[in-house]
Amino acid sequence: MPFKKVQSEKLAQSVVRQIELLILQGILRPGERLPSERELSERMGVSRPSLREAVVNPHANGLLITKPGAGIYVA
């Protein structure tokens, strides 16, 4: 998956915007599991807490589903 480093603004917003763009481009499809939190944070160049903040962001709730113990999925 072609994740890019996130520019410094509000990191969580940048993460959500990048995931949203990948969904709109069809690179990420509904039901697809994202890489692990550790791998995703490394690929995007953000901390794991910033990634978690993005995932629980109300804007991301329509895009992503978090399944405890199973991972993060595209809604």
PDB file of N, CA and C in Angstrom:
ATOM      1  N   MET A   1       0.851  -1.178   0.000  1.00  0.00           N
ATOM      2  CA  MET A   1       0.000   0.000   0.000  1.00  0.00           C
ATOM      3  C   MET A   1       0.892   1.235   0.000  1.00  0.00           C
ATOM      4  N   PRO A   2       0.592   2.195  -0.806  1.00  0.00           N
ATOM      5  CA  PRO A   2       1.453   3.363  -0.960  1.00  0.00           C
ATOM      6  C   PRO A   2       1.184   4.482   0.043  1.00  0.00           C
ATOM      7  N   PHE A   3       1.432   4.226   1.311  1.00  0.00           N
ATOM      8  CA  PHE A   3       1.270   5.274   2.305  1.00  0.00           C
ATOM      9  C   PHE A   3       2.453   6.219   2.217  1.00  0.00           C
ATOM     10  N   LYS A   4       2.225   7.492   2.468  1.00  0.00           N
ATOM     11  CA  LYS A   4       3.271   8.503   2.405  1.00  0.00           C
ATOM     12  C   LYS A   4       3.515   9.072   3.794  1.00  0.00           C
ATOM     13  N   LYS A   5       4.658   9.693   3.981  1.00  0.00           N
ATOM     14  CA  LYS A   5       4.949  10.392   5.229  1.00  0.00           C
ATOM     15  C   LYS A   5       3.940  11.529   5.367  1.00  0.00           C
ATOM     16  N   VAL A   6       3.541  11.799   6.593  1.00  0.00           N
ATOM     17  CA  VAL A   6       2.543  12.827   6.864  1.00  0.00           C
ATOM     18  C   VAL A   6       3.239  14.157   7.133  1.00  0.00           C
ATOM     19  N   GLN A   7       2.714  15.232   6.529  1.00  0.00           N
ATOM     20  CA  GLN A   7       3.244  16.570   6.756  1.00  0.00           C
ATOM     21  C   GLN A   7       2.786  17.068   8.121  1.00  0.00           C
ATOM     22  N   SER A   8       3.601  17.948   8.721  1.00  0.00           N
ATOM     23  CA  SER A   8       3.229  18.411  10.055  1.00  0.00           C
ATOM     24  C   SER A   8       2.149  19.485   9.972  1.00  0.00           C
ATOM     25  N   GLU A   9       1.012  19.167  10.392  1.00  0.00           N
ATOM     26  CA  GLU A   9      -0.141  20.017  10.656  1.00  0.00           C
ATOM     27  C   GLU A   9      -0.792  19.310  11.821  1.00  0.00           C
ATOM     28  N   LYS A  10      -2.023  19.069  11.808  1.00  0.00           N
ATOM     29  CA  LYS A  10      -2.636  18.213  12.813  1.00  0.00           C
ATOM     30  C   LYS A  10      -2.457  16.803  12.279  1.00  0.00           C
ATOM     31  N   LEU A  11      -1.563  16.041  12.917  1.00  0.00           N
ATOM     32  CA  LEU A  11      -1.199  14.725  12.393  1.00  0.00           C
ATOM     33  C   LEU A  11      -2.405  13.813  12.182  1.00  0.00           C
ATOM     34  N   ALA A  12      -3.291  13.785  13.150  1.00  0.00           N
ATOM     35  CA  ALA A  12      -4.449  12.898  13.028  1.00  0.00           C
ATOM     36  C   ALA A  12      -5.277  13.247  11.796  1.00  0.00           C
ATOM     37  N   GLN A  13      -5.423  14.529  11.499  1.00  0.00           N
ATOM     38  CA  GLN A  13      -6.188  14.943  10.324  1.00  0.00           C
ATOM     39  C   GLN A  13      -5.482  14.529   9.035  1.00  0.00           C
ATOM     40  N   SER A  14      -4.158  14.638   9.031  1.00  0.00           N
ATOM     41  CA  SER A  14      -3.391  14.228   7.856  1.00  0.00           C
ATOM     42  C   SER A  14      -3.507  12.735   7.616  1.00  0.00           C
ATOM     43  N   VAL A  15      -3.501  11.957   8.679  1.00  0.00           N
ATOM     44  CA  VAL A  15      -3.634  10.508   8.565  1.00  0.00           C
ATOM     45  C   VAL A  15      -5.003  10.163   7.981  1.00  0.00           C
ATOM     46  N   VAL A  16      -6.049  10.763   8.528  1.00  0.00           N
ATOM     47  CA  VAL A  16      -7.410  10.505   8.039  1.00  0.00           C
ATOM     48  C   VAL A  16      -7.532  10.912   6.577  1.00  0.00           C
ATOM     49  N   ARG A  17      -6.984  12.070   6.220  1.00  0.00           N
ATOM     50  CA  ARG A  17      -7.067  12.544   4.836  1.00  0.00           C
ATOM     51  C   ARG A  17      -6.353  11.574   3.884  1.00  0.00           C
ATOM     52  N   GLN A  18      -5.199  11.064   4.295  1.00  0.00           N
ATOM     53  CA  GLN A  18      -4.461  10.140   3.439  1.00  0.00           C
ATOM     54  C   GLN A  18      -5.227   8.826   3.247  1.00  0.00           C
ATOM     55  N   ILE A  19      -5.806   8.315   4.317  1.00  0.00           N
ATOM     56  CA  ILE A  19      -6.597   7.082   4.217  1.00  0.00           C
ATOM     57  C   ILE A  19      -7.819   7.322   3.337  1.00  0.00           C
ATOM     58  N   GLU A  20      -8.458   8.472   3.520  1.00  0.00           N
ATOM     59  CA  GLU A  20      -9.620   8.835   2.711  1.00  0.00           C
ATOM     60  C   GLU A  20      -9.247   8.876   1.228  1.00  0.00           C
ATOM     61  N   LEU A  21      -8.110   9.462   0.904  1.00  0.00           N
ATOM     62  CA  LEU A  21      -7.657   9.552  -0.478  1.00  0.00           C
ATOM     63  C   LEU A  21      -7.403   8.160  -1.067  1.00  0.00           C
ATOM     64  N   LEU A  22      -6.788   7.286  -0.286  1.00  0.00           N
ATOM     65  CA  LEU A  22      -6.522   5.920  -0.764  1.00  0.00           C
ATOM     66  C   LEU A  22      -7.819   5.151  -1.008  1.00  0.00           C
ATOM     67  N   ILE A  23      -8.839   5.422  -0.202  1.00  0.00           N
ATOM     68  CA  ILE A  23     -10.148   4.791  -0.405  1.00  0.00           C
ATOM     69  C   ILE A  23     -10.782   5.329  -1.689  1.00  0.00           C
ATOM     70  N   LEU A  24     -10.745   6.651  -1.869  1.00  0.00           N
ATOM     71  CA  LEU A  24     -11.335   7.256  -3.063  1.00  0.00           C
ATOM     72  C   LEU A  24     -10.635   6.805  -4.344  1.00  0.00           C
ATOM     73  N   GLN A  25      -9.334   6.541  -4.268  1.00  0.00           N
ATOM     74  CA  GLN A  25      -8.582   6.081  -5.425  1.00  0.00           C
ATOM     75  C   GLN A  25      -8.783   4.584  -5.682  1.00  0.00           C
ATOM     76  N   GLY A  26      -9.445   3.908  -4.756  1.00  0.00           N
ATOM     77  CA  GLY A  26      -9.697   2.487  -4.922  1.00  0.00           C
ATOM     78  C   GLY A  26      -8.532   1.603  -4.495  1.00  0.00           C
ATOM     79  N   ILE A  27      -7.526   2.198  -3.894  1.00  0.00           N
ATOM     80  CA  ILE A  27      -6.372   1.426  -3.422  1.00  0.00           C
ATOM     81  C   ILE A  27      -6.754   0.641  -2.170  1.00  0.00           C
ATOM     82  N   LEU A  28      -7.524   1.274  -1.300  1.00  0.00           N
ATOM     83  CA  LEU A  28      -8.085   0.591  -0.130  1.00  0.00           C
ATOM     84  C   LEU A  28      -9.554   0.319  -0.430  1.00  0.00           C
ATOM     85  N   ARG A  29      -9.978  -0.917  -0.214  1.00  0.00           N
ATOM     86  CA  ARG A  29     -11.358  -1.311  -0.528  1.00  0.00           C
ATOM     87  C   ARG A  29     -12.127  -1.664   0.746  1.00  0.00           C
ATOM     88  N   PRO A  30     -13.448  -1.525   0.703  1.00  0.00           N
ATOM     89  CA  PRO A  30     -14.258  -1.888   1.870  1.00  0.00           C
ATOM     90  C   PRO A  30     -13.971  -3.314   2.331  1.00  0.00           C
ATOM     91  N   GLY A  31     -13.835  -3.469   3.629  1.00  0.00           N
ATOM     92  CA  GLY A  31     -13.571  -4.772   4.216  1.00  0.00           C
ATOM     93  C   GLY A  31     -12.093  -5.120   4.296  1.00  0.00           C
ATOM     94  N   GLU A  32     -11.255  -4.330   3.634  1.00  0.00           N
ATOM     95  CA  GLU A  32      -9.812  -4.604   3.632  1.00  0.00           C
ATOM     96  C   GLU A  32      -9.193  -4.234   4.980  1.00  0.00           C
ATOM     97  N   ARG A  33      -8.307  -5.109   5.447  1.00  0.00           N
ATOM     98  CA  ARG A  33      -7.616  -4.872   6.718  1.00  0.00           C
ATOM     99  C   ARG A  33      -6.383  -4.028   6.460  1.00  0.00           C
ATOM    100  N   LEU A  34      -6.216  -2.988   7.261  1.00  0.00           N
ATOM    101  CA  LEU A  34      -5.022  -2.152   7.173  1.00  0.00           C
ATOM    102  C   LEU A  34      -3.850  -2.870   7.832  1.00  0.00           C
ATOM    103  N   PRO A  35      -2.627  -2.460   7.523  1.00  0.00           N
ATOM    104  CA  PRO A  35      -1.472  -3.054   8.199  1.00  0.00           C
ATOM    105  C   PRO A  35      -1.580  -2.842   9.706  1.00  0.00           C
ATOM    106  N   SER A  36      -0.755  -3.548  10.457  1.00  0.00           N
ATOM    107  CA  SER A  36      -0.770  -3.407  11.914  1.00  0.00           C
ATOM    108  C   SER A  36      -0.495  -1.957  12.306  1.00  0.00           C
ATOM    109  N   GLU A  37      -0.911  -1.605  13.489  1.00  0.00           N
ATOM    110  CA  GLU A  37      -0.711  -0.250  13.994  1.00  0.00           C
ATOM    111  C   GLU A  37       0.766   0.138  13.932  1.00  0.00           C
ATOM    112  N   ARG A  38       1.626  -0.765  14.336  1.00  0.00           N
ATOM    113  CA  ARG A  38       3.065  -0.490  14.327  1.00  0.00           C
ATOM    114  C   ARG A  38       3.558  -0.239  12.902  1.00  0.00           C
ATOM    115  N   GLU A  39       3.208  -1.121  11.979  1.00  0.00           N
ATOM    116  CA  GLU A  39       3.655  -0.991  10.597  1.00  0.00           C
ATOM    117  C   GLU A  39       3.088   0.263   9.943  1.00  0.00           C
ATOM    118  N   LEU A  40       1.814   0.527  10.168  1.00  0.00           N
ATOM    119  CA  LEU A  40       1.168   1.691   9.577  1.00  0.00           C
ATOM    120  C   LEU A  40       1.788   2.983  10.097  1.00  0.00           C
ATOM    121  N   SER A  41       2.056   3.051  11.395  1.00  0.00           N
ATOM    122  CA  SER A  41       2.659   4.267  11.953  1.00  0.00           C
ATOM    123  C   SER A  41       4.065   4.470  11.399  1.00  0.00           C
ATOM    124  N   GLU A  42       4.822   3.393  11.188  1.00  0.00           N
ATOM    125  CA  GLU A  42       6.162   3.509  10.603  1.00  0.00           C
ATOM    126  C   GLU A  42       6.086   3.981   9.155  1.00  0.00           C
ATOM    127  N   ARG A  43       5.172   3.404   8.377  1.00  0.00           N
ATOM    128  CA  ARG A  43       5.036   3.788   6.969  1.00  0.00           C
ATOM    129  C   ARG A  43       4.638   5.249   6.819  1.00  0.00           C
ATOM    130  N   MET A  44       3.770   5.725   7.710  1.00  0.00           N
ATOM    131  CA  MET A  44       3.271   7.089   7.605  1.00  0.00           C
ATOM    132  C   MET A  44       4.160   8.096   8.329  1.00  0.00           C
ATOM    133  N   GLY A  45       5.106   7.612   9.117  1.00  0.00           N
ATOM    134  CA  GLY A  45       6.017   8.509   9.818  1.00  0.00           C
ATOM    135  C   GLY A  45       5.374   9.253  10.974  1.00  0.00           C
ATOM    136  N   VAL A  46       4.400   8.615  11.618  1.00  0.00           N
ATOM    137  CA  VAL A  46       3.735   9.214  12.779  1.00  0.00           C
ATOM    138  C   VAL A  46       3.855   8.269  13.968  1.00  0.00           C
ATOM    139  N   SER A  47       3.627   8.791  15.155  1.00  0.00           N
ATOM    140  CA  SER A  47       3.669   7.943  16.342  1.00  0.00           C
ATOM    141  C   SER A  47       2.404   7.100  16.421  1.00  0.00           C
ATOM    142  N   ARG A  48       2.488   6.024  17.165  1.00  0.00           N
ATOM    143  CA  ARG A  48       1.309   5.172  17.329  1.00  0.00           C
ATOM    144  C   ARG A  48       0.173   5.918  18.025  1.00  0.00           C
ATOM    145  N   PRO A  49       0.461   6.759  19.047  1.00  0.00           N
ATOM    146  CA  PRO A  49      -0.642   7.526  19.639  1.00  0.00           C
ATOM    147  C   PRO A  49      -1.333   8.460  18.627  1.00  0.00           C
ATOM    148  N   SER A  50      -0.558   9.064  17.717  1.00  0.00           N
ATOM    149  CA  SER A  50      -1.170   9.922  16.686  1.00  0.00           C
ATOM    150  C   SER A  50      -2.042   9.102  15.752  1.00  0.00           C
ATOM    151  N   LEU A  51      -1.580   7.900  15.432  1.00  0.00           N
ATOM    152  CA  LEU A  51      -2.374   7.016  14.573  1.00  0.00           C
ATOM    153  C   LEU A  51      -3.671   6.617  15.273  1.00  0.00           C
ATOM    154  N   ARG A  52      -3.567   6.277  16.548  1.00  0.00           N
ATOM    155  CA  ARG A  52      -4.776   5.907  17.316  1.00  0.00           C
ATOM    156  C   ARG A  52      -5.756   7.065  17.366  1.00  0.00           C
ATOM    157  N   GLU A  53      -5.234   8.278  17.561  1.00  0.00           N
ATOM    158  CA  GLU A  53      -6.097   9.458  17.603  1.00  0.00           C
ATOM    159  C   GLU A  53      -6.842   9.618  16.277  1.00  0.00           C
ATOM    160  N   ALA A  54      -6.162   9.364  15.183  1.00  0.00           N
ATOM    161  CA  ALA A  54      -6.793   9.474  13.867  1.00  0.00           C
ATOM    162  C   ALA A  54      -7.890   8.439  13.683  1.00  0.00           C
ATOM    163  N   VAL A  55      -7.641   7.225  14.153  1.00  0.00           N
ATOM    164  CA  VAL A  55      -8.602   6.138  13.974  1.00  0.00           C
ATOM    165  C   VAL A  55      -9.879   6.384  14.774  1.00  0.00           C
ATOM    166  N   VAL A  56      -9.760   6.980  15.949  1.00  0.00           N
ATOM    167  CA  VAL A  56     -10.959   7.246  16.754  1.00  0.00           C
ATOM    168  C   VAL A  56     -11.590   8.595  16.423  1.00  0.00           C
ATOM    169  N   ASN A  57     -10.961   9.353  15.531  1.00  0.00           N
ATOM    170  CA  ASN A  57     -11.479  10.640  15.087  1.00  0.00           C
ATOM    171  C   ASN A  57     -12.884  10.440  14.518  1.00  0.00           C
ATOM    172  N   PRO A  58     -13.845  11.277  14.900  1.00  0.00           N
ATOM    173  CA  PRO A  58     -15.217  11.105  14.396  1.00  0.00           C
ATOM    174  C   PRO A  58     -15.297  11.076  12.875  1.00  0.00           C
ATOM    175  N   HIS A  59     -14.425  11.814  12.207  1.00  0.00           N
ATOM    176  CA  HIS A  59     -14.436  11.828  10.745  1.00  0.00           C
ATOM    177  C   HIS A  59     -14.010  10.462  10.199  1.00  0.00           C
ATOM    178  N   ALA A  60     -13.099   9.794  10.885  1.00  0.00           N
ATOM    179  CA  ALA A  60     -12.621   8.487  10.425  1.00  0.00           C
ATOM    180  C   ALA A  60     -13.612   7.375  10.745  1.00  0.00           C
ATOM    181  N   ASN A  61     -14.520   7.620  11.695  1.00  0.00           N
ATOM    182  CA  ASN A  61     -15.467   6.575  12.080  1.00  0.00           C
ATOM    183  C   ASN A  61     -16.321   6.094  10.913  1.00  0.00           C
ATOM    184  N   GLY A  62     -16.584   6.944   9.960  1.00  0.00           N
ATOM    185  CA  GLY A  62     -17.338   6.529   8.792  1.00  0.00           C
ATOM    186  C   GLY A  62     -16.481   5.772   7.787  1.00  0.00           C
ATOM    187  N   LEU A  63     -15.163   5.884   7.925  1.00  0.00           N
ATOM    188  CA  LEU A  63     -14.240   5.256   6.983  1.00  0.00           C
ATOM    189  C   LEU A  63     -13.650   3.958   7.503  1.00  0.00           C
ATOM    190  N   LEU A  64     -13.418   3.914   8.807  1.00  0.00           N
ATOM    191  CA  LEU A  64     -12.691   2.793   9.398  1.00  0.00           C
ATOM    192  C   LEU A  64     -13.483   2.122  10.507  1.00  0.00           C
ATOM    193  N   ILE A  65     -13.232   0.846  10.669  1.00  0.00           N
ATOM    194  CA  ILE A  65     -13.827   0.070  11.758  1.00  0.00           C
ATOM    195  C   ILE A  65     -12.676  -0.571  12.517  1.00  0.00           C
ATOM    196  N   THR A  66     -12.656  -0.375  13.818  1.00  0.00           N
ATOM    197  CA  THR A  66     -11.640  -1.007  14.645  1.00  0.00           C
ATOM    198  C   THR A  66     -12.250  -2.218  15.326  1.00  0.00           C
ATOM    199  N   LYS A  67     -11.639  -3.352  15.122  1.00  0.00           N
ATOM    200  CA  LYS A  67     -12.083  -4.594  15.766  1.00  0.00           C
ATOM    201  C   LYS A  67     -11.021  -4.996  16.784  1.00  0.00           C
ATOM    202  N   PRO A  68     -11.312  -4.855  18.069  1.00  0.00           N
ATOM    203  CA  PRO A  68     -10.317  -5.179  19.088  1.00  0.00           C
ATOM    204  C   PRO A  68      -9.727  -6.573  18.893  1.00  0.00           C
ATOM    205  N   GLY A  69      -8.416  -6.614  18.880  1.00  0.00           N
ATOM    206  CA  GLY A  69      -7.704  -7.872  18.716  1.00  0.00           C
ATOM    207  C   GLY A  69      -7.617  -8.365  17.283  1.00  0.00           C
ATOM    208  N   ALA A  70      -8.348  -7.698  16.358  1.00  0.00           N
ATOM    209  CA  ALA A  70      -8.353  -8.138  14.965  1.00  0.00           C
ATOM    210  C   ALA A  70      -7.741  -7.111  14.023  1.00  0.00           C
ATOM    211  N   GLY A  71      -7.782  -5.825  14.378  1.00  0.00           N
ATOM    212  CA  GLY A  71      -7.166  -4.810  13.548  1.00  0.00           C
ATOM    213  C   GLY A  71      -8.129  -3.705  13.117  1.00  0.00           C
ATOM    214  N   ILE A  72      -7.656  -2.937  12.149  1.00  0.00           N
ATOM    215  CA  ILE A  72      -8.407  -1.806  11.615  1.00  0.00           C
ATOM    216  C   ILE A  72      -8.819  -2.166  10.190  1.00  0.00           C
ATOM    217  N   TYR A  73     -10.093  -1.976   9.892  1.00  0.00           N
ATOM    218  CA  TYR A  73     -10.634  -2.329   8.571  1.00  0.00           C
ATOM    219  C   TYR A  73     -11.288  -1.115   7.916  1.00  0.00           C
ATOM    220  N   VAL A  74     -11.314  -1.114   6.592  1.00  0.00           N
ATOM    221  CA  VAL A  74     -12.020  -0.098   5.849  1.00  0.00           C
ATOM    222  C   VAL A  74     -13.502  -0.413   5.936  1.00  0.00           C
ATOM    223  N   ALA A  75     -14.306   0.593   6.283  1.00  0.00           N
ATOM    224  CA  ALA A  75     -15.752   0.382   6.444  1.00  0.00           C
ATOM    225  C   ALA A  75     -16.427   0.167   5.101  1.00  0.00           C
TER     226      ALA A  75
END
